[in-house]
Amino acid sequence: MADHAVTHFQNDKGVKEIEIGVKEFMCCGASVPHDHPHVFLDMGSDSDIICPYCSTHFKFVSELGAKETRPEGCLFHEPA
């Protein structure tokens, strides 16, 4: 499994909003084969952003770690 320099998130659960602990990340959509192009998103000075591919709303929450999400389980893992 490759470790990403930029954290990747996915939305297999189909939730409207995912809280994350980073402002720069990649959105993958869902797990393969239902993923979309892995797009780099940067919130800049904002605290949220919407993925232009899957419309997932990502919200920055400072108390979360770089690989933590709410709901849990939205961190992308390379297929084995």
C-alpha atoms as a PDB file:
ATOM      1  CA  MET A   1       0.000   0.000   0.000  1.00  0.00           C
ATOM      2  CA  ALA A   2       1.408   3.395  -0.982  1.00  0.00           C
ATOM      3  CA  ASP A   3       1.415   6.144   1.593  1.00  0.00           C
ATOM      4  CA  HIS A   4       0.137   9.423   0.181  1.00  0.00           C
ATOM      5  CA  ALA A   5       1.919  12.731   0.837  1.00  0.00           C
ATOM      6  CA  VAL A   6      -1.501  14.380   0.533  1.00  0.00           C
ATOM      7  CA  THR A   7      -4.333  12.729   2.466  1.00  0.00           C
ATOM      8  CA  HIS A   8      -7.022  11.133   0.263  1.00  0.00           C
ATOM      9  CA  PHE A   9     -10.681  10.856   1.299  1.00  0.00           C
ATOM     10  CA  GLN A  10     -13.601   8.884  -0.137  1.00  0.00           C
ATOM     11  CA  ASN A  11     -17.342   8.879   0.376  1.00  0.00           C
ATOM     12  CA  ASP A  12     -18.463   5.241   0.169  1.00  0.00           C
ATOM     13  CA  LYS A  13     -21.221   6.001   2.676  1.00  0.00           C
ATOM     14  CA  GLY A  14     -22.792   8.599   0.389  1.00  0.00           C
ATOM     15  CA  VAL A  15     -23.054  11.216   3.140  1.00  0.00           C
ATOM     16  CA  LYS A  16     -23.576  14.863   2.245  1.00  0.00           C
ATOM     17  CA  GLU A  17     -20.843  16.165   4.583  1.00  0.00           C
ATOM     18  CA  ILE A  18     -17.516  14.819   5.824  1.00  0.00           C
ATOM     19  CA  GLU A  19     -15.604  16.571   8.586  1.00  0.00           C
ATOM     20  CA  ILE A  20     -11.816  16.354   8.190  1.00  0.00           C
ATOM     21  CA  GLY A  21      -8.704  17.641   9.967  1.00  0.00           C
ATOM     22  CA  VAL A  22      -6.839  19.052   6.939  1.00  0.00           C
ATOM     23  CA  LYS A  23      -7.484  21.884   4.496  1.00  0.00           C
ATOM     24  CA  GLU A  24      -5.552  20.432   1.531  1.00  0.00           C
ATOM     25  CA  PHE A  25      -6.454  16.924   0.372  1.00  0.00           C
ATOM     26  CA  MET A  26      -7.558  14.703  -2.502  1.00  0.00           C
ATOM     27  CA  CYS A  27     -11.143  13.553  -3.018  1.00  0.00           C
ATOM     28  CA  CYS A  28     -11.553  10.165  -4.698  1.00  0.00           C
ATOM     29  CA  GLY A  29     -15.342   9.962  -4.722  1.00  0.00           C
ATOM     30  CA  ALA A  30     -15.796   6.340  -3.683  1.00  0.00           C
ATOM     31  CA  SER A  31     -13.834   3.107  -3.755  1.00  0.00           C
ATOM     32  CA  VAL A  32     -12.748   1.614  -7.081  1.00  0.00           C
ATOM     33  CA  PRO A  33     -14.530   1.060  -9.451  1.00  0.00           C
ATOM     34  CA  HIS A  34     -16.904   3.843  -8.358  1.00  0.00           C
ATOM     35  CA  ASP A  35     -14.224   6.475  -7.867  1.00  0.00           C
ATOM     36  CA  HIS A  36     -13.778   9.659  -9.861  1.00  0.00           C
ATOM     37  CA  PRO A  37     -10.514  11.344 -10.886  1.00  0.00           C
ATOM     38  CA  HIS A  38      -8.590  12.037  -7.702  1.00  0.00           C
ATOM     39  CA  VAL A  39      -8.952  15.804  -7.472  1.00  0.00           C
ATOM     40  CA  PHE A  40      -6.798  18.056  -5.274  1.00  0.00           C
ATOM     41  CA  LEU A  41      -8.876  20.414  -3.142  1.00  0.00           C
ATOM     42  CA  ASP A  42      -7.561  23.361  -1.113  1.00  0.00           C
ATOM     43  CA  MET A  43      -9.853  25.229   1.288  1.00  0.00           C
ATOM     44  CA  GLY A  44      -7.425  28.139   1.610  1.00  0.00           C
ATOM     45  CA  SER A  45      -8.730  30.510   4.276  1.00  0.00           C
ATOM     46  CA  ASP A  46     -12.219  28.952   4.135  1.00  0.00           C
ATOM     47  CA  SER A  47     -13.369  26.188   6.462  1.00  0.00           C
ATOM     48  CA  ASP A  48     -15.228  24.109   3.869  1.00  0.00           C
ATOM     49  CA  ILE A  49     -15.270  23.109   0.206  1.00  0.00           C
ATOM     50  CA  ILE A  50     -17.475  21.078  -2.142  1.00  0.00           C
ATOM     51  CA  CYS A  51     -15.946  18.511  -4.476  1.00  0.00           C
ATOM     52  CA  PRO A  52     -16.781  19.486  -8.077  1.00  0.00           C
ATOM     53  CA  TYR A  53     -17.047  15.812  -9.120  1.00  0.00           C
ATOM     54  CA  CYS A  54     -19.151  14.152  -6.410  1.00  0.00           C
ATOM     55  CA  SER A  55     -20.581  17.190  -4.570  1.00  0.00           C
ATOM     56  CA  THR A  56     -19.374  15.942  -1.182  1.00  0.00           C
ATOM     57  CA  HIS A  57     -19.180  18.856   1.256  1.00  0.00           C
ATOM     58  CA  PHE A  58     -15.911  18.728   3.211  1.00  0.00           C
ATOM     59  CA  LYS A  59     -15.704  20.721   6.445  1.00  0.00           C
ATOM     60  CA  PHE A  60     -12.464  21.469   8.330  1.00  0.00           C
ATOM     61  CA  VAL A  61     -12.581  20.659  12.050  1.00  0.00           C
ATOM     62  CA  SER A  62      -9.338  21.611  13.816  1.00  0.00           C
ATOM     63  CA  GLU A  63      -9.612  18.998  16.567  1.00  0.00           C
ATOM     64  CA  LEU A  64      -9.529  16.144  14.035  1.00  0.00           C
ATOM     65  CA  GLY A  65      -6.192  14.634  13.000  1.00  0.00           C
ATOM     66  CA  ALA A  66      -4.992  14.532   9.385  1.00  0.00           C
ATOM     67  CA  LYS A  67      -6.338  10.991   8.906  1.00  0.00           C
ATOM     68  CA  GLU A  68      -9.510  11.273  10.975  1.00  0.00           C
ATOM     69  CA  THR A  69     -12.997  11.805   9.578  1.00  0.00           C
ATOM     70  CA  ARG A  70     -16.524  12.265  10.834  1.00  0.00           C
ATOM     71  CA  PRO A  71     -18.237  10.023  10.042  1.00  0.00           C
ATOM     72  CA  GLU A  72     -15.453   7.496  10.496  1.00  0.00           C
ATOM     73  CA  GLY A  73     -14.290   5.381   7.579  1.00  0.00           C
ATOM     74  CA  CYS A  74     -13.849   8.066   4.895  1.00  0.00           C
ATOM     75  CA  LEU A  75     -10.056   7.808   4.625  1.00  0.00           C
ATOM     76  CA  PHE A  76      -9.057   6.393   1.230  1.00  0.00           C
ATOM     77  CA  HIS A  77      -7.004   3.169   1.183  1.00  0.00           C
ATOM     78  CA  GLU A  78      -5.221   1.895  -1.929  1.00  0.00           C
ATOM     79  CA  PRO A  79      -6.798  -1.312  -3.258  1.00  0.00           C
ATOM     80  CA  ALA A  80      -4.714  -4.388  -2.395  1.00  0.00           C
END
